[in-house]
Amino acid sequence: MFVKVTTSGPRKYVQLVEAYRDENGRPKQRTIATLGRLDKLGDELESVVEGLCRITGRSLPDKPDVAFESSRALGDVWALTQLWNALGFDQLRKVFRGTRHSIQIESLIRIMVMNRLTSPDSKLGVLRWLETVCIPGVSGMDKIDHQHLLRAMDALNEHQAAVNDKVTELLRPLIDQELSVVFYDMTTIRAEGLTQQANELRQYGRSKEGGIRRQVMLGMVQTADGLPLYHEVFEGNTAEVKTLQPTVQTIIERFPVKRIIVVADRGLLSIDNLEELQQITLPSGQPLEFILAVPGRRYGDFEPILEPLQSSVFADATAEVITESKWQKQRLIIAHDPRRAADEIATRDARIEALEQEAERLAAKLDRQDEGEKARGRKLSDGGATARLYKEVSESGLAKIVKVNLKSPLFSYDVDASALQQARLMDGKLLLVTNVQDLAPDEVVRHYKSLADIERGFKALKSDIEIGPVYHRLPERIRAHAMICFIALVLHRVMRMRLKAADSAHSPMRALAQLRRIQYHQASLNGSPVTGLSSMTSEQLDILKALNIEKPTVSTDYLSL
């Protein structure tokens, strides 16, 4: 006999059915009893089962006592821990061995680094984050509080020289030993708070985002592959060019490179401070080599050089052309992209046309008013029309071409044909000044265009890792915070390199977001603990393979606070 569910109209019934064979040996079924409608059965069915058990002398199995705990994210912190160990950052524990601190400094630093990459928050926020994750490779820590994190930061700052030496040792095998093209740039990190500390780093200065803000400055050196090598924190009002020589000196001391070429964008090091750059020498006595971009506001200084090249070299170009000239005893590399030039010309002409149409509209309204025509709204004056047009011209960045006569009592403007021609002469151009003698012009341009990597590094620091705003007051804590974010950026860039080498379409942050879905589960079954991991998708397995990381496993050394 067996239980069968039959359907009659919209309802379902539970029946007890017997299988048998008729006189001819054919298999058939017959209903022994109808137990009732399926949607009505509840405790009644349990009583039937209990009765059958009593008749047969059997007993029902006890209902399992199951209790589940909240699941915790494991996949992302697992991957970061494996990467941390593969790069050798676990060796940092040797730096803090024998110090006065009894807490596990290296584990706490790793926790703060992983937090910057997965769910960046304040140090108090790290404690809330720890309640949602399961940290592998941490044993003997049953409690972490805010003071533990701050003490770890203090230890990191106290042993900063030894930490820098260890990080240098770990990064040294990854850089080019023959020629290191170094990308150096600085950015500003907004700082909060109004108090004043001894040796204050938070100073008011011009922010990269615009305006005057209280801030600190972060200088960072990266390789041509985008690998961060070194960072330094400066006061928020430090002159940028003054930071270059000590930084270069540090790089030479720490990394066995035979040559350094500093490539810098228009913002930090430019032809405006060229004389200062030429005075910088390396320990070997050789002058500092550099590739500097000419800022757009200085392009007019190069008009005598560009005019003959425009007609003889660039005018008929259908693809990017790179040529070379001389400027102030330095090499001037000029790259012209005709497609970019055409786009810039079209965009500018469209803006000028829109401004001219607005000017004609304003002039026509003034003429109608002078003729006595009535119109709705406030009456327009010549001064008002001048102010409106000047505002739009200024916002479009065309004040040098569309010139509004602010001194005239009547509304008037003019399009400066010579200024427009000069602007078109500069369209599609990239001007680089360099003292490097043995690189071909196209190699110089290629090195400069690689500078975008350091900009992406700063973007990752500010958006993914969220280095700022800085809420720490003490200079030592600010430097420790910067070091934690720098190490996080190293892991971020190594992840990026591995994903790119494996032709993965994932960015580091997207890869971590996918791995975060691998959860660690804990339950209690009749008082006995049961643990396990959520199943892994093919996408997650592909990410782990691209990162050269083994699949997560259940272990006893997980930290769950």
Protein backbone atom coordinates (compact mmCIF):
# COMPACT_ATOMS: atom_id res chain seq x y z
CA MET A 1 0.00 0.00 0.00
CA PHE A 2 0.99 3.58 -0.53
CA VAL A 3 -0.32 7.13 -0.18
CA LYS A 4 -1.64 8.80 -3.31
CA VAL A 5 -2.88 12.35 -4.04
CA THR A 6 -5.77 12.52 -6.52
CA THR A 7 -7.43 15.53 -8.08
CA SER A 8 -11.15 16.10 -8.39
CA GLY A 9 -11.97 19.47 -9.87
CA PRO A 10 -10.11 22.20 -8.01
CA ARG A 11 -9.50 20.06 -4.93
CA LYS A 12 -6.87 17.45 -4.06
CA TYR A 13 -7.49 14.41 -1.87
CA VAL A 14 -5.17 12.11 0.06
CA GLN A 15 -5.95 8.43 -0.38
CA LEU A 16 -4.56 5.15 0.92
CA VAL A 17 -4.17 2.90 -2.14
CA GLU A 18 -3.38 -0.80 -2.50
CA ALA A 19 -1.68 -2.30 -5.52
CA TYR A 20 -2.70 -5.83 -6.57
CA ARG A 21 -3.06 -8.15 -9.59
CA ASP A 22 -6.37 -9.44 -10.95
CA GLU A 23 -7.19 -13.00 -12.04
CA ASN A 24 -5.33 -12.48 -15.29
CA GLY A 25 -2.20 -11.17 -13.53
CA ARG A 26 -2.65 -7.56 -14.63
CA PRO A 27 -1.48 -4.89 -12.10
CA LYS A 28 -4.27 -2.77 -10.65
CA GLN A 29 -4.93 -0.36 -7.79
CA ARG A 30 -7.83 0.06 -5.40
CA THR A 31 -8.59 2.72 -2.85
CA ILE A 32 -8.60 1.43 0.70
CA ALA A 33 -9.51 4.73 2.36
CA THR A 34 -9.79 8.43 1.60
CA LEU A 35 -8.03 10.37 4.35
CA GLY A 36 -9.47 13.76 3.40
CA ARG A 37 -8.78 16.92 1.45
CA LEU A 38 -5.10 17.83 1.25
CA ASP A 39 -5.69 21.45 2.24
CA LYS A 40 -7.68 20.36 5.32
CA LEU A 41 -5.29 17.79 6.69
CA GLY A 42 -3.20 18.91 9.62
CA ASP A 43 -3.11 17.48 13.10
CA GLU A 44 -5.61 14.82 11.98
CA LEU A 45 -3.04 13.18 9.74
CA GLU A 46 -0.46 13.17 12.52
CA SER A 47 -2.90 11.34 14.78
CA VAL A 48 -3.42 8.71 12.05
CA VAL A 49 0.35 8.22 11.74
CA GLU A 50 0.74 7.95 15.50
CA GLY A 51 -2.08 5.38 15.62
CA LEU A 52 -0.45 3.25 12.93
CA CYS A 53 2.84 3.41 14.84
CA ARG A 54 1.12 2.19 18.01
CA ILE A 55 -0.53 -0.71 16.20
CA THR A 56 2.74 -1.81 14.62
CA GLY A 57 4.77 -1.22 17.75
CA ARG A 58 6.96 1.38 16.15
CA SER A 59 7.85 4.85 17.40
CA LEU A 60 8.12 8.16 15.55
CA PRO A 61 11.61 9.63 15.23
CA ASP A 62 12.18 12.68 17.39
CA LYS A 63 11.92 16.00 15.62
CA PRO A 64 15.40 17.45 15.14
CA ASP A 65 16.24 20.50 17.21
CA VAL A 66 17.77 22.87 14.64
CA ALA A 67 19.01 26.41 15.35
CA PHE A 68 20.57 28.58 12.65
CA GLU A 69 22.95 31.49 13.15
CA SER A 70 23.21 34.46 10.82
CA SER A 71 25.26 33.67 7.73
CA ARG A 72 28.53 35.54 7.27
CA ALA A 73 30.37 36.67 4.14
CA LEU A 74 33.49 34.62 3.51
CA GLY A 75 34.44 34.59 -0.19
CA ASP A 76 35.81 38.13 -0.48
CA VAL A 77 37.85 38.10 2.72
CA TRP A 78 39.04 34.57 1.88
CA ALA A 79 40.39 35.78 -1.48
CA LEU A 80 42.05 38.82 0.10
CA THR A 81 43.62 36.67 2.83
CA GLN A 82 45.01 34.25 0.26
CA LEU A 83 46.38 37.17 -1.76
CA TRP A 84 47.80 38.76 1.40
CA ASN A 85 49.71 35.59 2.20
CA ALA A 86 50.77 34.95 -1.41
CA LEU A 87 52.36 38.41 -1.61
CA GLY A 88 54.10 37.83 1.72
CA PHE A 89 52.32 40.47 3.79
CA ASP A 90 51.83 37.88 6.52
CA GLN A 91 55.57 38.38 7.16
CA LEU A 92 54.67 41.72 8.76
CA ARG A 93 54.10 39.79 11.96
CA LYS A 94 57.89 39.49 12.21
CA VAL A 95 58.15 43.29 12.32
CA PHE A 96 55.97 43.44 15.42
CA ARG A 97 57.39 40.37 17.13
CA GLY A 98 58.92 41.24 20.45
CA THR A 99 57.22 44.62 20.73
CA ARG A 100 55.41 45.79 23.80
CA HIS A 101 52.06 45.07 22.14
CA SER A 102 50.44 41.77 23.14
CA ILE A 103 47.70 41.95 20.50
CA GLN A 104 48.10 40.43 17.04
CA ILE A 105 49.15 43.56 15.15
CA GLU A 106 49.50 41.89 11.74
CA SER A 107 46.02 40.34 11.95
CA LEU A 108 44.44 43.64 12.98
CA ILE A 109 46.18 45.49 10.14
CA ARG A 110 44.99 42.84 7.69
CA ILE A 111 41.45 43.22 8.99
CA MET A 112 41.57 47.01 8.47
CA VAL A 113 43.09 46.60 4.99
CA MET A 114 40.37 44.12 3.98
CA ASN A 115 37.70 46.45 5.31
CA ARG A 116 38.97 49.24 3.02
CA LEU A 117 38.55 46.91 0.04
CA THR A 118 35.18 45.36 0.91
CA SER A 119 33.18 47.81 3.00
CA PRO A 120 35.28 50.90 3.82
CA ASP A 121 34.23 52.50 7.06
CA SER A 122 35.58 54.22 10.15
CA LYS A 123 37.51 52.23 12.69
CA LEU A 124 34.31 51.92 14.72
CA GLY A 125 32.61 50.81 11.51
CA VAL A 126 35.19 48.03 11.21
CA LEU A 127 33.73 46.49 14.38
CA ARG A 128 30.23 46.52 12.88
CA TRP A 129 31.59 45.00 9.67
CA LEU A 130 33.30 42.20 11.63
CA GLU A 131 29.87 41.08 12.83
CA THR A 132 28.93 40.27 9.21
CA VAL A 133 32.06 38.44 7.98
CA CYS A 134 34.12 35.39 8.82
CA ILE A 135 37.86 36.17 8.76
CA PRO A 136 40.08 33.18 7.87
CA GLY A 137 43.51 32.61 9.29
CA VAL A 138 42.90 34.29 12.65
CA SER A 139 43.08 32.23 15.80
CA GLY A 140 43.36 33.13 19.44
CA MET A 141 41.37 36.36 19.10
CA ASP A 142 38.01 36.15 20.79
CA LYS A 143 37.49 39.90 21.10
CA ILE A 144 38.38 43.00 19.10
CA ASP A 145 37.44 46.48 20.23
CA HIS A 146 38.13 50.02 19.06
CA GLN A 147 41.21 50.38 21.23
CA HIS A 148 42.75 47.27 19.69
CA LEU A 149 42.49 48.85 16.24
CA LEU A 150 43.95 52.16 17.41
CA ARG A 151 46.82 50.40 19.18
CA ALA A 152 47.55 48.45 15.98
CA MET A 153 47.66 51.76 14.07
CA ASP A 154 50.04 53.20 16.68
CA ALA A 155 52.28 50.15 16.34
CA LEU A 156 52.17 50.52 12.56
CA ASN A 157 53.33 54.12 12.86
CA GLU A 158 55.97 53.36 15.50
CA HIS A 159 57.54 50.75 13.22
CA GLN A 160 56.87 52.59 9.97
CA ALA A 161 60.48 52.37 8.81
CA ALA A 162 60.58 48.59 9.35
CA VAL A 163 57.16 48.20 7.70
CA ASN A 164 58.33 50.24 4.69
CA ASP A 165 61.44 48.07 4.47
CA LYS A 166 59.34 44.90 4.50
CA VAL A 167 56.88 46.25 1.91
CA THR A 168 59.83 47.28 -0.26
CA GLU A 169 61.26 43.78 0.04
CA LEU A 170 57.94 42.29 -1.06
CA LEU A 171 57.51 44.65 -4.02
CA ARG A 172 61.09 44.66 -5.28
CA PRO A 173 60.82 41.43 -7.34
CA LEU A 174 57.82 42.86 -9.18
CA ILE A 175 59.51 45.90 -10.75
CA ASP A 176 61.68 46.38 -13.81
CA GLN A 177 65.31 46.08 -12.78
CA GLU A 178 66.78 47.80 -15.85
CA LEU A 179 64.56 50.81 -16.46
CA SER A 180 61.88 51.96 -14.10
CA VAL A 181 59.63 54.62 -15.57
CA VAL A 182 58.24 56.12 -12.42
CA PHE A 183 54.92 57.92 -12.32
CA TYR A 184 54.77 60.41 -9.48
CA ASP A 185 51.76 62.48 -8.61
CA MET A 186 50.09 64.04 -5.63
CA THR A 187 46.51 64.40 -4.58
CA THR A 188 44.71 66.12 -1.76
CA ILE A 189 42.75 64.27 0.91
CA ARG A 190 40.06 66.23 2.75
CA ALA A 191 40.45 66.25 6.53
CA GLU A 192 37.74 66.92 9.10
CA GLY A 193 38.00 68.59 12.47
CA LEU A 194 38.92 72.04 13.76
CA THR A 195 41.39 71.18 16.54
CA GLN A 196 45.10 71.88 16.28
CA GLN A 197 47.74 69.28 17.06
CA ALA A 198 51.49 69.38 17.42
CA ASN A 199 53.19 68.85 14.03
CA GLU A 200 49.80 69.29 12.41
CA LEU A 201 49.39 67.68 8.98
CA ARG A 202 45.90 69.07 8.35
CA GLN A 203 46.47 72.43 6.75
CA TYR A 204 44.38 74.66 4.52
CA GLY A 205 45.34 74.52 0.87
CA ARG A 206 43.94 74.43 -2.63
CA SER A 207 42.08 71.19 -3.12
CA LYS A 208 42.24 69.10 -6.30
CA GLU A 209 38.43 69.16 -6.20
CA GLY A 210 38.46 72.94 -6.12
CA GLY A 211 38.38 75.57 -3.40
CA ILE A 212 40.37 75.99 -0.20
CA ARG A 213 39.94 73.17 2.28
CA ARG A 214 41.60 71.68 5.30
CA GLN A 215 43.49 68.71 3.94
CA VAL A 216 46.58 66.55 3.83
CA MET A 217 48.57 65.83 0.68
CA LEU A 218 49.45 62.34 -0.49
CA GLY A 219 52.32 61.72 -2.89
CA MET A 220 52.54 58.35 -4.55
CA VAL A 221 54.95 56.60 -6.90
CA GLN A 222 53.81 53.85 -9.27
CA THR A 223 55.48 51.72 -11.88
CA ALA A 224 54.55 51.73 -15.56
CA ASP A 225 52.37 48.69 -14.79
CA GLY A 226 50.41 50.63 -12.19
CA LEU A 227 51.97 48.94 -9.17
CA PRO A 228 52.28 51.32 -6.19
CA LEU A 229 55.84 51.51 -4.87
CA TYR A 230 55.90 54.20 -2.26
CA HIS A 231 53.77 56.88 -0.68
CA GLU A 232 54.35 59.82 1.59
CA VAL A 233 52.01 62.08 3.53
CA PHE A 234 52.69 65.83 3.52
CA GLU A 235 51.11 68.85 5.11
CA GLY A 236 48.08 70.12 3.27
CA ASN A 237 49.77 73.33 2.10
CA THR A 238 53.07 71.82 0.89
CA ALA A 239 54.45 73.08 -2.43
CA GLU A 240 54.23 70.06 -4.71
CA VAL A 241 57.57 70.43 -6.48
CA LYS A 242 59.36 70.45 -3.13
CA THR A 243 58.26 66.87 -2.50
CA LEU A 244 59.86 65.41 -5.61
CA GLN A 245 63.55 65.23 -4.70
CA PRO A 246 63.15 63.45 -1.32
CA THR A 247 60.68 61.02 -2.90
CA VAL A 248 63.02 60.19 -5.78
CA GLN A 249 65.85 59.79 -3.28
CA THR A 250 63.78 57.30 -1.30
CA ILE A 251 62.87 55.29 -4.40
CA ILE A 252 66.53 55.02 -5.42
CA GLU A 253 67.53 53.87 -1.95
CA ARG A 254 64.78 51.27 -1.71
CA PHE A 255 64.62 49.79 -5.20
CA PRO A 256 67.60 48.60 -7.27
CA VAL A 257 66.70 50.60 -10.36
CA LYS A 258 69.44 51.93 -12.56
CA ARG A 259 67.48 54.79 -13.99
CA ILE A 260 64.39 56.83 -13.15
CA ILE A 261 62.30 58.88 -15.52
CA VAL A 262 59.66 60.95 -13.79
CA VAL A 263 56.50 61.35 -15.84
CA ALA A 264 54.12 64.00 -14.57
CA ASP A 265 50.83 65.50 -15.64
CA ARG A 266 50.02 69.16 -16.21
CA GLY A 267 48.88 69.70 -12.64
CA LEU A 268 51.89 68.84 -10.48
CA LEU A 269 55.16 69.27 -12.32
CA SER A 270 55.11 71.39 -15.43
CA ILE A 271 57.15 73.80 -17.47
CA ASP A 272 56.16 76.46 -14.94
CA ASN A 273 58.69 75.00 -12.48
CA LEU A 274 61.08 73.60 -15.09
CA GLU A 275 64.08 75.40 -13.59
CA GLU A 276 63.50 73.80 -10.20
CA LEU A 277 63.26 70.37 -11.79
CA GLN A 278 66.51 70.84 -13.70
CA GLN A 279 68.32 71.51 -10.43
CA ILE A 280 67.37 68.08 -9.01
CA THR A 281 70.13 65.51 -9.31
CA LEU A 282 70.29 61.84 -8.45
CA PRO A 283 72.82 60.40 -5.97
CA SER A 284 74.94 59.37 -8.95
CA GLY A 285 75.25 63.02 -9.94
CA GLN A 286 73.09 62.59 -13.03
CA PRO A 287 70.27 65.09 -13.56
CA LEU A 288 66.72 63.98 -12.97
CA GLU A 289 65.09 62.81 -16.21
CA PHE A 290 61.52 63.89 -16.80
CA ILE A 291 58.63 63.92 -19.26
CA LEU A 292 56.30 66.83 -18.59
CA ALA A 293 53.03 67.77 -20.25
CA VAL A 294 52.58 71.40 -21.31
CA PRO A 295 49.42 72.85 -19.72
CA GLY A 296 46.84 74.14 -22.18
CA ARG A 297 47.12 77.71 -20.89
CA ARG A 298 50.75 77.75 -22.04
CA TYR A 299 50.10 76.46 -25.58
CA GLY A 300 50.20 80.03 -26.88
CA ASP A 301 53.92 80.19 -26.06
CA PHE A 302 54.49 77.47 -28.66
CA GLU A 303 52.56 79.08 -31.50
CA PRO A 304 55.73 80.03 -33.48
CA ILE A 305 56.76 76.34 -33.39
CA LEU A 306 53.33 74.91 -34.15
CA GLU A 307 52.33 77.16 -37.09
CA PRO A 308 54.87 75.86 -39.63
CA LEU A 309 54.32 72.26 -38.46
CA GLN A 310 50.56 72.61 -38.88
CA SER A 311 50.84 73.38 -42.59
CA SER A 312 53.74 71.04 -43.38
CA VAL A 313 53.01 68.00 -41.16
CA PHE A 314 49.59 68.03 -39.47
CA ALA A 315 47.19 69.58 -42.01
CA ASP A 316 46.81 66.49 -44.23
CA ALA A 317 47.19 63.85 -41.49
CA THR A 318 44.60 61.08 -41.33
CA ALA A 319 46.08 59.30 -38.29
CA GLU A 320 48.04 60.37 -35.23
CA VAL A 321 51.32 62.08 -36.12
CA ILE A 322 54.21 62.48 -33.67
CA THR A 323 57.10 64.79 -34.36
CA GLU A 324 59.83 66.59 -32.46
CA SER A 325 61.20 70.10 -32.07
CA LYS A 326 63.29 72.11 -29.60
CA TRP A 327 62.20 74.47 -26.84
CA GLN A 328 64.51 76.12 -24.30
CA LYS A 329 67.26 73.57 -25.00
CA GLN A 330 64.84 70.73 -24.24
CA ARG A 331 63.15 68.24 -26.53
CA LEU A 332 59.60 69.20 -27.44
CA ILE A 333 57.50 66.20 -28.51
CA ILE A 334 54.31 67.09 -30.38
CA ALA A 335 51.55 64.56 -31.02
CA HIS A 336 48.62 65.51 -33.26
CA ASP A 337 45.44 63.44 -33.46
CA PRO A 338 43.34 64.64 -36.45
CA ARG A 339 40.18 62.86 -35.29
CA ARG A 340 40.38 64.42 -31.86
CA ALA A 341 41.12 67.80 -33.46
CA ALA A 342 38.02 67.49 -35.67
CA ASP A 343 35.86 66.64 -32.65
CA GLU A 344 37.21 69.61 -30.67
CA ILE A 345 36.66 71.98 -33.60
CA ALA A 346 33.09 70.74 -34.11
CA THR A 347 32.28 71.06 -30.41
CA ARG A 348 33.70 74.59 -30.20
CA ASP A 349 31.96 75.74 -33.39
CA ALA A 350 28.65 74.42 -32.05
CA ARG A 351 29.11 76.36 -28.81
CA ILE A 352 30.03 79.54 -30.66
CA GLU A 353 26.98 79.15 -32.90
CA ALA A 354 24.74 78.73 -29.85
CA LEU A 355 26.24 81.85 -28.25
CA GLU A 356 25.75 83.84 -31.43
CA GLN A 357 22.11 82.73 -31.61
CA GLU A 358 21.60 83.82 -28.00
CA ALA A 359 23.26 87.16 -28.76
CA GLU A 360 20.99 87.65 -31.79
CA ARG A 361 17.95 86.84 -29.65
CA LEU A 362 18.97 89.40 -27.03
CA ALA A 363 19.74 92.03 -29.69
CA ALA A 364 16.39 91.43 -31.42
CA LYS A 365 14.56 91.87 -28.12
CA LEU A 366 16.38 95.15 -27.50
CA ASP A 367 15.46 96.33 -31.01
CA ARG A 368 11.78 95.46 -30.49
CA GLN A 369 11.77 97.37 -27.22
CA ASP A 370 13.32 100.40 -28.91
CA GLU A 371 10.54 100.24 -31.53
CA GLY A 372 7.96 100.40 -28.75
CA GLU A 373 6.77 96.78 -28.98
CA LYS A 374 5.23 95.50 -25.78
CA ALA A 375 6.32 92.13 -24.37
CA ARG A 376 5.60 90.04 -21.29
CA GLY A 377 8.13 89.98 -18.47
CA ARG A 378 10.71 92.46 -17.32
CA LYS A 379 12.16 94.95 -19.74
CA LEU A 380 15.64 94.06 -20.97
CA SER A 381 18.42 96.64 -20.75
CA ASP A 382 21.67 96.76 -22.70
CA GLY A 383 23.56 96.13 -19.48
CA GLY A 384 21.34 93.17 -18.65
CA ALA A 385 21.85 91.66 -22.12
CA THR A 386 25.61 92.16 -21.78
CA ALA A 387 25.66 90.46 -18.37
CA ARG A 388 23.61 87.48 -19.62
CA LEU A 389 25.79 86.88 -22.65
CA TYR A 390 29.01 87.34 -20.67
CA LYS A 391 27.83 84.76 -18.12
CA GLU A 392 27.12 82.17 -20.82
CA VAL A 393 30.42 82.90 -22.60
CA SER A 394 32.34 82.47 -19.36
CA GLU A 395 30.58 79.20 -18.52
CA SER A 396 31.39 77.83 -21.98
CA GLY A 397 35.10 78.66 -21.58
CA LEU A 398 35.19 80.79 -24.74
CA ALA A 399 35.91 84.22 -23.25
CA LYS A 400 39.11 84.54 -25.28
CA ILE A 401 37.24 83.99 -28.54
CA VAL A 402 33.77 85.46 -28.01
CA LYS A 403 34.56 88.87 -26.53
CA VAL A 404 31.70 90.72 -24.89
CA ASN A 405 32.25 94.50 -24.66
CA LEU A 406 31.64 95.16 -20.97
CA LYS A 407 32.60 98.83 -21.18
CA SER A 408 30.22 99.80 -23.98
CA PRO A 409 26.87 101.37 -22.93
CA LEU A 410 25.26 99.40 -25.76
CA PHE A 411 25.04 95.65 -26.10
CA SER A 412 27.87 94.44 -28.33
CA TYR A 413 30.19 91.52 -28.80
CA ASP A 414 32.69 90.18 -31.33
CA VAL A 415 34.18 86.83 -32.37
CA ASP A 416 37.98 87.21 -32.40
CA ALA A 417 39.01 85.46 -35.62
CA SER A 418 42.72 85.37 -34.67
CA ALA A 419 41.96 83.82 -31.27
CA LEU A 420 39.70 81.27 -32.97
CA GLN A 421 42.44 80.39 -35.44
CA GLN A 422 44.96 80.00 -32.61
CA ALA A 423 42.57 77.69 -30.73
CA ARG A 424 42.15 75.55 -33.84
CA LEU A 425 45.91 75.40 -34.18
CA MET A 426 46.11 73.79 -30.71
CA ASP A 427 43.26 71.29 -31.26
CA GLY A 428 44.22 67.63 -31.09
CA LYS A 429 47.71 68.45 -29.80
CA LEU A 430 49.70 66.94 -26.96
CA LEU A 431 52.90 68.82 -26.09
CA LEU A 432 55.56 67.13 -23.97
CA VAL A 433 58.83 68.62 -22.75
CA THR A 434 61.56 66.14 -21.87
CA ASN A 435 65.29 65.92 -21.27
CA VAL A 436 65.36 62.17 -22.02
CA GLN A 437 67.66 61.76 -25.01
CA ASP A 438 67.50 58.08 -25.92
CA LEU A 439 63.74 57.56 -26.26
CA ALA A 440 62.06 57.94 -29.64
CA PRO A 441 59.20 60.48 -29.80
CA ASP A 442 56.52 57.77 -29.93
CA GLU A 443 58.08 56.09 -26.86
CA VAL A 444 57.94 59.39 -24.97
CA VAL A 445 54.25 59.76 -25.86
CA ARG A 446 53.55 56.15 -24.89
CA HIS A 447 55.18 56.65 -21.48
CA TYR A 448 53.16 59.78 -20.88
CA LYS A 449 49.86 58.17 -21.86
CA SER A 450 50.55 55.41 -19.36
CA LEU A 451 50.24 58.10 -16.69
CA ALA A 452 46.49 57.47 -16.73
CA ASP A 453 47.22 54.43 -14.54
CA ILE A 454 48.30 56.55 -11.58
CA GLU A 455 45.18 58.63 -11.98
CA ARG A 456 43.17 55.42 -11.80
CA GLY A 457 45.16 54.55 -8.67
CA PHE A 458 44.12 57.82 -7.01
CA LYS A 459 40.56 57.24 -8.17
CA ALA A 460 40.60 53.79 -6.55
CA LEU A 461 42.02 55.30 -3.37
CA LYS A 462 39.27 57.89 -3.21
CA SER A 463 36.28 55.91 -4.50
CA ASP A 464 36.86 52.18 -3.87
CA ILE A 465 39.11 52.37 -0.81
CA GLU A 466 37.69 55.71 0.41
CA ILE A 467 40.88 57.10 1.90
CA GLY A 468 39.09 60.36 2.65
CA PRO A 469 37.75 62.29 4.33
CA VAL A 470 40.21 61.72 7.17
CA TYR A 471 38.66 61.91 10.64
CA HIS A 472 41.82 61.17 12.62
CA ARG A 473 43.32 64.10 14.52
CA LEU A 474 46.80 62.92 15.40
CA PRO A 475 49.46 63.07 12.65
CA GLU A 476 50.64 59.57 13.60
CA ARG A 477 47.16 58.13 13.09
CA ILE A 478 46.77 59.96 9.77
CA ARG A 479 50.03 58.43 8.52
CA ALA A 480 48.96 54.97 9.74
CA HIS A 481 45.61 55.38 7.98
CA ALA A 482 47.44 56.30 4.76
CA MET A 483 49.67 53.22 5.09
CA ILE A 484 46.63 50.95 5.51
CA CYS A 485 45.04 52.47 2.40
CA PHE A 486 48.33 52.16 0.48
CA ILE A 487 48.59 48.43 1.26
CA ALA A 488 44.94 48.06 0.25
CA LEU A 489 45.79 49.72 -3.08
CA VAL A 490 48.67 47.27 -3.62
CA LEU A 491 46.24 44.35 -3.22
CA HIS A 492 43.73 46.12 -5.47
CA ARG A 493 46.30 46.60 -8.25
CA VAL A 494 47.64 43.04 -8.00
CA MET A 495 44.07 41.78 -8.30
CA ARG A 496 43.61 44.02 -11.32
CA MET A 497 46.79 42.66 -12.93
CA ARG A 498 45.78 39.03 -12.38
CA LEU A 499 42.23 39.56 -13.66
CA LYS A 500 43.55 41.38 -16.72
CA ALA A 501 46.13 38.66 -17.42
CA ALA A 502 43.34 36.06 -17.29
CA ASP A 503 41.20 38.10 -19.73
CA SER A 504 38.53 38.48 -17.06
CA ALA A 505 35.93 41.19 -17.57
CA HIS A 506 35.68 41.76 -13.81
CA SER A 507 37.17 44.74 -12.03
CA PRO A 508 38.65 44.09 -8.57
CA MET A 509 35.62 45.56 -6.81
CA ARG A 510 33.15 43.66 -8.97
CA ALA A 511 35.09 40.44 -8.39
CA LEU A 512 35.00 40.97 -4.62
CA ALA A 513 31.28 41.72 -4.78
CA GLN A 514 30.67 38.39 -6.51
CA LEU A 515 32.90 36.48 -4.07
CA ARG A 516 31.14 38.12 -1.12
CA ARG A 517 28.12 35.96 -1.92
CA ILE A 518 30.04 32.86 -0.81
CA GLN A 519 28.65 32.57 2.71
CA TYR A 520 29.77 30.71 5.81
CA HIS A 521 26.86 29.02 7.62
CA GLN A 522 26.65 27.76 11.19
CA ALA A 523 23.84 25.74 12.75
CA SER A 524 23.16 23.59 15.77
CA LEU A 525 21.56 20.16 15.17
CA ASN A 526 20.36 18.55 18.40
CA GLY A 527 23.04 20.51 20.24
CA SER A 528 25.87 19.57 17.89
CA PRO A 529 27.45 22.35 15.79
CA VAL A 530 27.24 22.03 12.00
CA THR A 531 29.11 24.32 9.59
CA GLY A 532 29.19 24.64 5.83
CA LEU A 533 29.64 26.91 2.84
CA SER A 534 27.12 28.06 0.29
CA SER A 535 27.45 26.53 -3.15
CA MET A 536 29.69 28.39 -5.62
CA THR A 537 28.59 29.56 -9.04
CA SER A 538 30.64 29.09 -12.18
CA GLU A 539 31.27 32.85 -12.22
CA GLN A 540 32.73 32.74 -8.71
CA LEU A 541 34.90 29.76 -9.60
CA ASP A 542 36.18 31.59 -12.69
CA ILE A 543 37.11 34.60 -10.56
CA LEU A 544 39.01 32.45 -8.08
CA LYS A 545 40.83 30.76 -10.96
CA ALA A 546 41.72 34.12 -12.53
CA LEU A 547 43.11 35.32 -9.19
CA ASN A 548 45.04 32.03 -8.79
CA ILE A 549 43.30 31.39 -5.48
CA GLU A 550 42.03 28.08 -4.13
CA LYS A 551 38.38 27.54 -3.32
CA PRO A 552 37.26 28.39 0.22
CA THR A 553 37.07 25.57 2.72
CA VAL A 554 35.60 25.17 6.19
CA SER A 555 38.21 25.61 8.92
CA THR A 556 38.45 26.05 12.66
CA ASP A 557 40.63 29.18 12.53
CA TYR A 558 37.86 31.52 11.34
CA LEU A 559 37.24 34.67 13.33
CA SER A 560 33.52 35.26 13.99
CA LEU A 561 32.83 38.01 16.49
